[in-house]
Amino acid sequence: MTRSETAAGPNLMDIGGVAERLGVRVRYVRRLVAERRIPYIKLGHLLRFDPAQIDEWVERSRVEEALPTAGRGRRRGW
């Protein structure tokens, strides 16, 4: 069992919980849902989110820092 599951099933978060966890506004999470850019579960008219899936989504969305490359750009002869 993962940490987001209990004997009864996964502990799902509501949209406010996801917004708080990500440090964004609810409106932004709704936009991510509308654009199907974030994993969610639709239960009737309710939106719910699996915390483990949100954590995985955040990791997949991570952008690594670029390493400097030699010889990039122009050098001025001054």
C-alpha atoms as a PDB file:
ATOM      1  CA  MET A   1       0.000   0.000   0.000  1.00  0.00           C
ATOM      2  CA  THR A   2       1.261   3.500  -0.832  1.00  0.00           C
ATOM      3  CA  ARG A   3       1.159   6.319   1.656  1.00  0.00           C
ATOM      4  CA  SER A   4      -1.962   7.766   0.006  1.00  0.00           C
ATOM      5  CA  GLU A   5      -3.966   4.571   0.549  1.00  0.00           C
ATOM      6  CA  THR A   6      -5.754   3.183   3.553  1.00  0.00           C
ATOM      7  CA  ALA A   7      -7.828   0.044   3.974  1.00  0.00           C
ATOM      8  CA  ALA A   8     -10.777   2.007   2.562  1.00  0.00           C
ATOM      9  CA  GLY A   9      -8.863   3.286  -0.494  1.00  0.00           C
ATOM     10  CA  PRO A  10      -6.859   6.355  -1.467  1.00  0.00           C
ATOM     11  CA  ASN A  11      -7.107   9.568   0.556  1.00  0.00           C
ATOM     12  CA  LEU A  12      -8.202  11.990  -2.132  1.00  0.00           C
ATOM     13  CA  MET A  13      -7.702  15.749  -1.976  1.00  0.00           C
ATOM     14  CA  ASP A  14     -10.124  18.383  -3.142  1.00  0.00           C
ATOM     15  CA  ILE A  15      -9.146  21.239  -5.431  1.00  0.00           C
ATOM     16  CA  GLY A  16      -8.409  23.560  -2.504  1.00  0.00           C
ATOM     17  CA  GLY A  17      -6.011  21.024  -1.025  1.00  0.00           C
ATOM     18  CA  VAL A  18      -4.149  20.688  -4.322  1.00  0.00           C
ATOM     19  CA  ALA A  19      -3.920  24.462  -4.705  1.00  0.00           C
ATOM     20  CA  GLU A  20      -2.517  24.774  -1.183  1.00  0.00           C
ATOM     21  CA  ARG A  21      -0.040  21.922  -1.743  1.00  0.00           C
ATOM     22  CA  LEU A  22       1.234  23.519  -4.963  1.00  0.00           C
ATOM     23  CA  GLY A  23       1.201  27.065  -3.565  1.00  0.00           C
ATOM     24  CA  VAL A  24      -1.132  28.378  -6.273  1.00  0.00           C
ATOM     25  CA  ARG A  25      -4.704  29.630  -6.474  1.00  0.00           C
ATOM     26  CA  VAL A  26      -7.696  27.357  -7.014  1.00  0.00           C
ATOM     27  CA  ARG A  27      -8.347  29.144 -10.309  1.00  0.00           C
ATOM     28  CA  TYR A  28      -4.975  27.965 -11.651  1.00  0.00           C
ATOM     29  CA  VAL A  29      -5.694  24.342 -10.673  1.00  0.00           C
ATOM     30  CA  ARG A  30      -9.068  24.588 -12.437  1.00  0.00           C
ATOM     31  CA  ARG A  31      -7.247  25.791 -15.559  1.00  0.00           C
ATOM     32  CA  LEU A  32      -4.838  22.837 -15.353  1.00  0.00           C
ATOM     33  CA  VAL A  33      -7.851  20.511 -15.117  1.00  0.00           C
ATOM     34  CA  ALA A  34      -9.617  22.183 -18.056  1.00  0.00           C
ATOM     35  CA  GLU A  35      -6.450  21.799 -20.154  1.00  0.00           C
ATOM     36  CA  ARG A  36      -6.044  18.196 -18.880  1.00  0.00           C
ATOM     37  CA  ARG A  37      -2.512  18.992 -17.699  1.00  0.00           C
ATOM     38  CA  ILE A  38      -2.898  17.573 -14.172  1.00  0.00           C
ATOM     39  CA  PRO A  39      -4.139  14.104 -13.136  1.00  0.00           C
ATOM     40  CA  TYR A  40      -7.586  14.191 -11.545  1.00  0.00           C
ATOM     41  CA  ILE A  41     -10.596  12.017 -10.782  1.00  0.00           C
ATOM     42  CA  LYS A  42     -14.112  13.135 -11.553  1.00  0.00           C
ATOM     43  CA  LEU A  43     -16.772  11.817  -9.173  1.00  0.00           C
ATOM     44  CA  GLY A  44     -20.036  13.144 -10.549  1.00  0.00           C
ATOM     45  CA  HIS A  45     -19.545  16.903 -10.439  1.00  0.00           C
ATOM     46  CA  LEU A  46     -16.713  16.701  -7.877  1.00  0.00           C
ATOM     47  CA  LEU A  47     -13.008  16.882  -8.709  1.00  0.00           C
ATOM     48  CA  ARG A  48     -10.641  14.849  -6.558  1.00  0.00           C
ATOM     49  CA  PHE A  49      -6.896  14.307  -6.724  1.00  0.00           C
ATOM     50  CA  ASP A  50      -4.690  11.422  -5.601  1.00  0.00           C
ATOM     51  CA  PRO A  51      -1.765  12.905  -3.610  1.00  0.00           C
ATOM     52  CA  ALA A  52       0.646  10.247  -4.950  1.00  0.00           C
ATOM     53  CA  GLN A  53      -0.289  11.103  -8.546  1.00  0.00           C
ATOM     54  CA  ILE A  54       0.133  14.819  -7.831  1.00  0.00           C
ATOM     55  CA  ASP A  55       3.616  14.168  -6.387  1.00  0.00           C
ATOM     56  CA  GLU A  56       4.545  12.123  -9.492  1.00  0.00           C
ATOM     57  CA  TRP A  57       3.157  14.855 -11.769  1.00  0.00           C
ATOM     58  CA  VAL A  58       5.252  17.480  -9.992  1.00  0.00           C
ATOM     59  CA  GLU A  59       8.388  15.338 -10.420  1.00  0.00           C
ATOM     60  CA  ARG A  60       7.663  14.795 -14.131  1.00  0.00           C
ATOM     61  CA  SER A  61       7.141  18.544 -14.543  1.00  0.00           C
ATOM     62  CA  ARG A  62      10.480  19.406 -12.968  1.00  0.00           C
ATOM     63  CA  VAL A  63      12.854  21.232 -15.318  1.00  0.00           C
ATOM     64  CA  GLU A  64      16.516  20.566 -14.681  1.00  0.00           C
ATOM     65  CA  GLU A  65      18.938  23.441 -14.634  1.00  0.00           C
ATOM     66  CA  ALA A  66      20.878  23.863 -17.874  1.00  0.00           C
ATOM     67  CA  LEU A  67      24.592  23.195 -17.771  1.00  0.00           C
ATOM     68  CA  PRO A  68      26.844  25.847 -19.302  1.00  0.00           C
ATOM     69  CA  THR A  69      28.357  24.837 -22.617  1.00  0.00           C
ATOM     70  CA  ALA A  70      31.763  25.909 -23.881  1.00  0.00           C
ATOM     71  CA  GLY A  71      31.987  28.042 -26.993  1.00  0.00           C
ATOM     72  CA  ARG A  72      28.427  29.227 -26.874  1.00  0.00           C
ATOM     73  CA  GLY A  73      27.745  32.771 -27.987  1.00  0.00           C
ATOM     74  CA  ARG A  74      30.083  35.260 -29.574  1.00  0.00           C
ATOM     75  CA  ARG A  75      33.280  36.507 -28.096  1.00  0.00           C
ATOM     76  CA  ARG A  76      34.250  40.073 -28.700  1.00  0.00           C
ATOM     77  CA  GLY A  77      37.834  40.804 -29.497  1.00  0.00           C
ATOM     78  CA  TRP A  78      38.443  43.590 -27.044  1.00  0.00           C
END
